[in-house]
Protein backbone atom coordinates (compact mmCIF):
# COMPACT_ATOMS: atom_id res chain seq x y z
CA MET A 1 33.37 4.64 -35.41
CA GLY A 2 32.79 6.43 -32.12
CA LEU A 3 35.75 7.88 -31.71
CA PHE A 4 35.03 11.60 -33.65
CA ASN A 5 31.71 13.91 -34.00
CA ASP A 6 30.77 13.68 -36.92
CA ARG A 7 30.78 16.86 -38.07
CA LYS A 8 28.88 18.06 -41.92
CA SER A 9 29.39 21.16 -43.78
CA GLU A 10 26.02 22.95 -45.65
CA ASN A 11 26.32 20.44 -48.52
CA GLY A 12 25.57 17.80 -46.04
CA LYS A 13 29.31 16.59 -46.40
CA GLU A 14 31.15 15.33 -43.66
CA PHE A 15 34.75 16.35 -42.10
CA VAL A 16 37.61 14.97 -41.82
CA PRO A 17 38.76 15.07 -38.52
CA VAL A 18 41.84 16.36 -37.07
CA TRP A 19 44.66 16.17 -34.40
CA PHE A 20 48.47 16.12 -34.39
CA MET A 21 50.83 14.13 -32.34
CA ARG A 22 52.66 16.43 -30.01
CA GLN A 23 49.91 19.25 -30.12
CA ALA A 24 50.48 20.55 -26.79
CA GLY A 25 54.19 21.25 -26.95
CA ARG A 26 57.18 23.16 -27.04
CA TYR A 27 56.16 25.22 -30.41
CA HIS A 28 53.08 26.71 -28.45
CA ASP A 29 53.29 29.81 -25.98
CA HIS A 30 50.37 28.44 -24.14
CA TYR A 31 53.26 25.70 -23.16
CA GLN A 32 56.37 27.80 -22.88
CA GLY A 33 54.69 29.66 -20.53
CA MET A 34 53.37 26.89 -18.15
CA LYS A 35 57.31 25.56 -18.57
CA LYS A 36 58.80 28.34 -16.79
CA LYS A 37 56.87 28.03 -13.60
CA ASN A 38 56.79 24.41 -13.56
CA THR A 39 59.09 21.42 -14.15
CA PHE A 40 58.62 18.54 -17.11
CA MET A 41 57.09 16.01 -14.44
CA GLU A 42 55.26 18.37 -12.34
CA LEU A 43 53.43 19.37 -15.59
CA CYS A 44 52.89 15.71 -16.09
CA LYS A 45 52.22 14.57 -12.33
CA GLN A 46 50.23 17.40 -11.36
CA PRO A 47 46.22 16.90 -12.47
CA GLU A 48 45.58 20.37 -12.83
CA LEU A 49 48.06 20.85 -14.54
CA ALA A 50 48.37 17.78 -17.21
CA CYS A 51 44.77 19.17 -18.07
CA GLU A 52 45.68 22.84 -18.87
CA VAL A 53 48.43 21.67 -21.15
CA THR A 54 46.11 19.58 -23.14
CA MET A 55 43.56 21.96 -23.21
CA GLY A 56 46.09 24.56 -24.71
CA PRO A 57 45.82 23.78 -28.23
CA ILE A 58 42.25 22.39 -28.14
CA ASN A 59 41.25 26.13 -27.00
CA ASP A 60 43.86 27.83 -29.60
CA PHE A 61 43.79 26.04 -32.16
CA LYS A 62 39.95 23.62 -32.03
CA PHE A 63 41.35 20.15 -32.60
CA ASP A 64 38.69 17.59 -32.67
CA ALA A 65 40.29 15.32 -30.03
CA ALA A 66 42.79 15.88 -26.92
CA ILE A 67 45.53 13.83 -26.24
CA LEU A 68 46.81 13.60 -22.50
CA PHE A 69 49.83 15.52 -22.17
CA SER A 70 52.10 13.05 -20.05
CA ASP A 71 55.57 10.53 -20.72
CA LEU A 72 55.67 7.38 -22.44
CA LEU A 73 58.64 6.49 -19.89
CA PHE A 74 56.48 6.51 -17.07
CA PRO A 75 56.05 2.52 -16.01
CA LEU A 76 59.86 2.60 -16.57
CA GLU A 77 60.26 5.26 -13.43
CA GLN A 78 57.52 2.80 -11.91
CA MET A 79 60.27 -0.59 -12.47
CA GLY A 80 62.53 1.43 -10.20
CA MET A 81 64.87 2.74 -12.97
CA GLY A 82 65.49 5.86 -11.90
CA LEU A 83 63.61 8.17 -14.27
CA LYS A 84 64.60 11.47 -14.56
CA TYR A 85 64.25 14.77 -16.87
CA ALA A 86 67.09 16.96 -17.52
CA PRO A 87 65.43 18.14 -19.67
CA GLY A 88 66.05 15.15 -21.77
CA PRO A 89 64.60 11.88 -20.05
CA LYS A 90 67.37 10.25 -18.29
CA LEU A 91 67.29 6.30 -16.64
CA GLU A 92 69.87 5.91 -13.77
CA LYS A 93 69.31 2.21 -14.83
CA LYS A 94 70.44 0.39 -18.37
CA LEU A 95 68.95 -2.88 -19.15
CA GLU A 96 71.94 -5.17 -19.62
CA THR A 97 71.44 -8.67 -18.74
CA VAL A 98 68.73 -10.78 -17.36
CA ALA A 99 69.68 -10.09 -13.61
CA ASP A 100 69.64 -6.36 -13.99
CA ILE A 101 65.70 -6.93 -14.96
CA LYS A 102 65.05 -9.64 -12.24
CA GLY A 103 66.67 -7.20 -9.89
CA LEU A 104 64.12 -4.48 -10.45
CA LYS A 105 62.11 -3.26 -7.57
CA PHE A 106 58.61 -1.34 -8.19
CA LEU A 107 58.08 1.26 -6.84
CA ASP A 108 54.12 1.10 -6.06
CA THR A 109 50.71 -0.82 -7.17
CA ALA A 110 49.98 0.11 -10.97
CA GLU A 111 46.69 1.64 -9.59
CA ASN A 112 48.15 4.00 -7.41
CA PHE A 113 51.19 5.16 -9.43
CA TYR A 114 49.21 5.44 -12.72
CA LYS A 115 46.47 7.42 -10.67
CA PHE A 116 47.53 10.93 -11.61
CA GLN A 117 47.26 9.90 -14.88
CA GLY A 118 43.25 9.16 -14.49
CA GLU A 119 42.90 12.18 -12.44
CA ALA A 120 43.82 13.80 -15.11
CA CYS A 121 41.51 12.29 -17.74
CA THR A 122 38.48 12.88 -15.30
CA LEU A 123 39.62 16.63 -14.96
CA LEU A 124 39.87 16.55 -19.18
CA LYS A 125 36.47 15.26 -19.47
CA GLU A 126 34.77 17.80 -17.28
CA THR A 127 36.51 20.57 -18.89
CA LEU A 128 36.15 19.27 -22.96
CA PRO A 129 33.70 20.33 -25.09
CA ASN A 130 31.55 17.18 -25.29
CA THR A 131 32.33 17.26 -29.33
CA THR A 132 36.39 16.77 -28.68
CA THR A 133 37.67 13.56 -28.05
CA LEU A 134 40.19 12.74 -25.27
CA LEU A 135 42.84 10.40 -26.23
CA GLY A 136 45.00 8.49 -23.65
CA PHE A 137 48.51 7.48 -24.83
CA VAL A 138 50.90 4.65 -23.60
CA GLY A 139 54.47 3.91 -24.93
CA ALA A 140 54.35 0.02 -27.34
CA PRO A 141 56.38 -2.71 -25.40
CA PHE A 142 59.43 -2.17 -27.91
CA THR A 143 59.62 0.78 -27.80
CA LEU A 144 59.70 1.18 -23.88
CA TYR A 145 62.31 -1.73 -23.77
CA THR A 146 64.14 0.02 -25.80
CA TYR A 147 64.52 2.58 -23.48
CA ALA A 148 64.76 0.45 -20.90
CA VAL A 149 68.21 -1.48 -22.46
CA GLU A 150 69.85 1.94 -24.55
CA GLY A 151 68.51 4.85 -22.84
CA SER A 152 67.18 6.02 -25.68
CA HIS A 153 65.95 4.52 -29.26
CA ALA A 154 68.62 6.31 -31.34
CA GLY A 155 71.64 4.82 -32.99
CA SER A 156 71.88 1.13 -34.28
CA LEU A 157 69.91 -0.60 -31.03
CA TYR A 158 72.66 -3.00 -30.63
CA SER A 159 72.01 -3.87 -27.29
CA SER A 160 68.08 -3.53 -27.77
CA LYS A 161 68.46 -6.45 -30.91
CA LEU A 162 70.52 -9.27 -29.37
CA GLY A 163 68.53 -8.51 -26.18
CA LEU A 164 65.53 -10.61 -28.61
CA TYR A 165 67.59 -13.37 -28.39
CA ASP A 166 69.17 -13.07 -24.87
CA GLY A 167 66.39 -13.72 -22.62
CA ARG A 168 66.19 -9.58 -21.77
CA TRP A 169 63.16 -9.09 -24.25
CA ASP A 170 61.08 -12.23 -22.71
CA ALA A 171 62.59 -11.22 -19.29
CA PHE A 172 61.58 -7.37 -19.93
CA VAL A 173 57.55 -8.01 -21.17
CA GLU A 174 56.98 -10.22 -18.54
CA LEU A 175 57.04 -7.71 -15.88
CA LEU A 176 55.99 -4.94 -18.56
CA ILE A 177 52.63 -5.92 -19.66
CA PRO A 178 50.71 -5.75 -15.94
CA GLU A 179 52.41 -2.09 -15.54
CA LEU A 180 51.66 -1.25 -19.46
CA LEU A 181 47.95 -2.76 -18.43
CA GLY A 182 47.87 -0.67 -15.42
CA GLU A 183 48.45 2.60 -16.86
CA MET A 184 46.20 2.22 -19.67
CA ARG A 185 43.43 0.90 -17.23
CA ALA A 186 43.98 4.06 -15.23
CA GLN A 187 43.59 6.32 -18.59
CA ALA A 188 40.32 4.30 -19.51
CA LEU A 189 38.75 5.30 -16.35
CA GLY A 190 39.41 8.30 -16.02
CA GLY A 191 37.42 8.83 -19.17
CA ALA A 192 40.03 8.36 -22.17
CA ASP A 193 37.32 7.32 -24.94
CA ALA A 194 40.42 5.79 -27.34
CA MET A 195 44.15 4.36 -26.18
CA CYS A 196 46.85 5.13 -28.40
CA LEU A 197 50.39 2.95 -28.03
CA PHE A 198 53.06 4.94 -29.97
CA ASP A 199 55.43 2.38 -31.16
CA THR A 200 58.49 4.88 -32.24
CA ALA A 201 61.30 2.01 -32.43
CA SER A 202 60.16 -0.46 -33.92
CA GLY A 203 60.83 0.67 -37.79
CA GLU A 204 64.46 -0.01 -36.77
CA LEU A 205 63.87 -3.95 -36.63
CA ASN A 206 63.86 -6.77 -39.17
CA TYR A 207 60.87 -7.48 -40.45
CA GLU A 208 60.88 -11.32 -38.66
CA ASP A 209 61.81 -9.83 -35.21
CA TYR A 210 58.86 -7.48 -35.99
CA THR A 211 56.66 -9.93 -36.87
CA GLN A 212 57.83 -12.80 -34.32
CA ILE A 213 58.72 -11.39 -31.73
CA VAL A 214 57.46 -7.58 -31.49
CA LEU A 215 54.15 -8.10 -32.82
CA PRO A 216 52.71 -11.54 -30.60
CA VAL A 217 53.11 -9.17 -27.76
CA LEU A 218 51.60 -5.91 -28.66
CA LYS A 219 48.51 -7.78 -29.53
CA ARG A 220 48.67 -9.78 -26.27
CA VAL A 221 48.10 -5.83 -24.66
CA THR A 222 45.41 -4.70 -26.69
CA ALA A 223 43.61 -8.29 -27.09
CA GLU A 224 43.55 -7.59 -22.90
CA PHE A 225 43.20 -3.89 -23.03
CA LYS A 226 40.10 -4.78 -24.89
CA LYS A 227 38.65 -7.31 -23.19
CA GLU A 228 38.49 -4.89 -19.87
CA PHE A 229 37.06 -2.32 -22.44
CA PRO A 230 35.76 -3.75 -25.40
CA ASN A 231 33.95 0.15 -26.46
CA LYS A 232 37.45 1.93 -26.33
CA LYS A 233 39.22 2.24 -29.46
CA VAL A 234 42.95 1.85 -30.14
CA ILE A 235 44.77 3.81 -31.92
CA TYR A 236 48.67 2.15 -33.45
CA TYR A 237 51.32 4.80 -34.18
CA SER A 238 54.93 3.30 -35.68
CA LYS A 239 57.63 5.17 -37.38
CA MET A 240 59.37 4.27 -40.19
CA THR A 241 57.33 0.70 -40.28
CA HIS A 242 56.72 -0.58 -44.28
CA LEU A 243 53.62 -1.18 -45.56
CA ARG A 244 54.53 -4.92 -45.35
CA TYR A 245 55.15 -5.01 -41.58
CA LEU A 246 51.33 -2.70 -41.11
CA GLN A 247 50.20 -5.53 -43.45
CA ALA A 248 51.36 -8.20 -40.96
CA ILE A 249 49.49 -6.58 -37.68
CA GLU A 250 46.21 -7.89 -39.35
CA ASP A 251 44.55 -7.02 -35.28
CA ASP A 252 41.09 -6.67 -34.61
CA ASN A 253 41.51 -5.19 -31.65
CA ILE A 254 43.25 -2.10 -33.54
CA ASP A 255 40.95 0.40 -34.62
CA VAL A 256 43.17 3.02 -35.97
CA LEU A 257 46.74 3.00 -37.73
CA GLY A 258 49.24 6.37 -37.50
CA VAL A 259 51.50 6.12 -40.34
CA ASP A 260 54.73 8.14 -41.12
CA TRP A 261 55.19 10.47 -44.17
CA ARG A 262 57.55 8.15 -46.02
CA HIS A 263 53.98 6.02 -47.11
CA ASP A 264 52.10 7.28 -49.83
CA LEU A 265 48.44 7.89 -47.72
CA GLY A 266 46.21 6.84 -50.89
CA HIS A 267 48.40 3.55 -51.66
CA VAL A 268 47.53 2.89 -47.54
CA LEU A 269 44.15 3.95 -47.36
CA ASN A 270 43.38 1.77 -50.16
CA THR A 271 45.46 -0.86 -48.56
CA LEU A 272 44.05 -0.98 -45.15
CA GLY A 273 41.26 1.04 -44.93
CA ASN A 274 38.97 -1.55 -44.59
CA ASP A 275 40.13 -2.66 -41.68
CA TYR A 276 41.40 0.38 -40.25
CA TYR A 277 40.83 4.10 -39.80
CA ILE A 278 44.77 5.74 -41.31
CA GLN A 279 46.14 8.67 -39.68
CA GLY A 280 48.30 10.05 -40.86
CA ASN A 281 50.81 11.90 -42.75
CA LEU A 282 52.30 15.61 -43.62
CA GLU A 283 55.91 15.70 -43.20
CA PRO A 284 56.54 17.56 -39.53
CA ALA A 285 58.51 19.71 -40.70
CA TYR A 286 56.78 21.54 -43.56
CA LEU A 287 55.03 23.18 -40.07
CA GLY A 288 57.48 25.29 -40.41
CA LEU A 289 57.36 26.74 -44.29
CA PRO A 290 55.85 29.75 -45.24
CA TRP A 291 51.91 29.39 -45.40
CA GLU A 292 51.72 29.84 -49.26
CA THR A 293 53.58 26.92 -49.38
CA LEU A 294 52.48 24.48 -46.33
CA GLU A 295 48.56 25.38 -47.79
CA LYS A 296 49.76 23.83 -51.14
CA LYS A 297 51.16 20.84 -49.11
CA TRP A 298 48.10 20.27 -47.47
CA MET A 299 45.79 20.46 -50.56
CA GLY A 300 48.00 18.45 -52.48
CA LEU A 301 47.93 15.92 -49.82
CA TYR A 302 44.47 16.04 -50.21
CA GLU A 303 43.93 16.51 -53.68
CA SER A 304 46.33 12.84 -53.67
CA LEU A 305 43.74 10.83 -51.99
CA GLN A 306 40.60 12.08 -54.18
CA THR A 307 43.14 11.32 -56.91
CA ALA A 308 43.80 7.84 -55.64
CA ASN A 309 39.78 7.19 -54.88
CA ALA A 310 41.10 6.66 -51.30
CA PRO A 311 37.94 6.07 -48.93
CA MET A 312 38.36 9.78 -46.92
CA ASN A 313 35.61 8.15 -44.60
CA LYS A 314 38.77 6.00 -43.32
CA TRP A 315 41.14 9.25 -43.08
CA ILE A 316 41.82 11.08 -39.75
CA CYS A 317 44.09 14.28 -41.05
CA GLY A 318 47.11 14.64 -38.70
CA LEU A 319 51.14 14.95 -39.51
CA GLY A 320 53.82 11.66 -39.66
CA HIS A 321 55.28 12.00 -36.60
CA GLY A 322 54.86 15.21 -33.51
CA CYS A 323 54.90 18.52 -34.01
CA LEU A 324 58.53 20.39 -33.65
CA GLN A 325 59.57 22.64 -31.57
CA TRP A 326 60.49 24.66 -34.38
CA ILE A 327 57.56 25.32 -36.36
CA ASP A 328 55.30 28.48 -36.31
CA GLN A 329 52.66 28.20 -34.21
CA GLU A 330 49.77 30.51 -36.47
CA ASN A 331 50.82 27.62 -39.08
CA VAL A 332 49.39 25.29 -36.58
CA ARG A 333 46.36 27.29 -36.30
CA LYS A 334 45.87 27.85 -40.16
CA SER A 335 46.20 24.23 -40.42
CA VAL A 336 43.46 23.56 -38.43
CA GLU A 337 41.02 26.11 -39.94
CA LEU A 338 42.00 24.78 -43.48
CA ILE A 339 41.24 21.30 -42.78
CA GLN A 340 38.43 21.42 -40.79
CA SER A 341 36.71 24.35 -43.58
CA LYS A 342 38.13 22.34 -47.02
CA PHE A 343 38.69 18.90 -45.87
CA GLN A 344 35.38 17.08 -47.05
CA TYR A 345 34.08 13.74 -48.57
């Protein structure tokens, strides 16, 4: 697919590629050491530091892809919503009315504001082995919208869901889409090989709201991005979305779908593998298990795909969401070693 360099075993078989969401993060002593000396915002916004954080799990664990260390909420900061980390993200404003959205004042041009991400990508392309893919990432429109309205995507999302019908969603996305494309452009021009769109709030939606209101906006973003960067890959991850939602996407501009641990991965590959590569989907909490148990979980996932006669050449091995801060980093190391030595097709 042009996303991962093919690795072959001695018997001529292909290896399944692997990377984890949040593979650079709090579980890893490399990150912990950097966090003692720098704020989260500094780690994201100083390109040399973002590069160093991103490289940590590549140097230590040899993942097949690096993902830019950043945060998905920076478009909300650029839109004048007052983003701070104390230590988690806090917004000074919430979008309770259409007037709130119309009153937003942007801090800078997108080209200037997201320059730090582009420069970090350029440093990473110079630093990474040429066999390692560089992934950029942004928040998908609905997930960014829920943060702007609620301050998070926890709870019932009551106000966000009403906002789909009171004009706030429409007003917000008209402001957001040029920003989001500007952020993606900065990373792509910096050298990112693929762009991840993370939509962790979308599984809270009713099927009709997702397919009729949210999905058309997502498809606008992917279409515009691919128009400018036809050779860059697009990865879309949505959390808690049922298979029916994923089947409804039908977007030729998306190359990879990430799926959470609630899905039967073999069934997803057999259902959607003709249209997309599929990434997933071990339960992230399993990385906290004793290695002997975790190894059985990984091998069980691999063997279940073989039993299902799933198209293994369309699988990117990973977790059903991101690495959790409490997991054992040695389990991450051993997991990558296991996958890169045993998961063949």
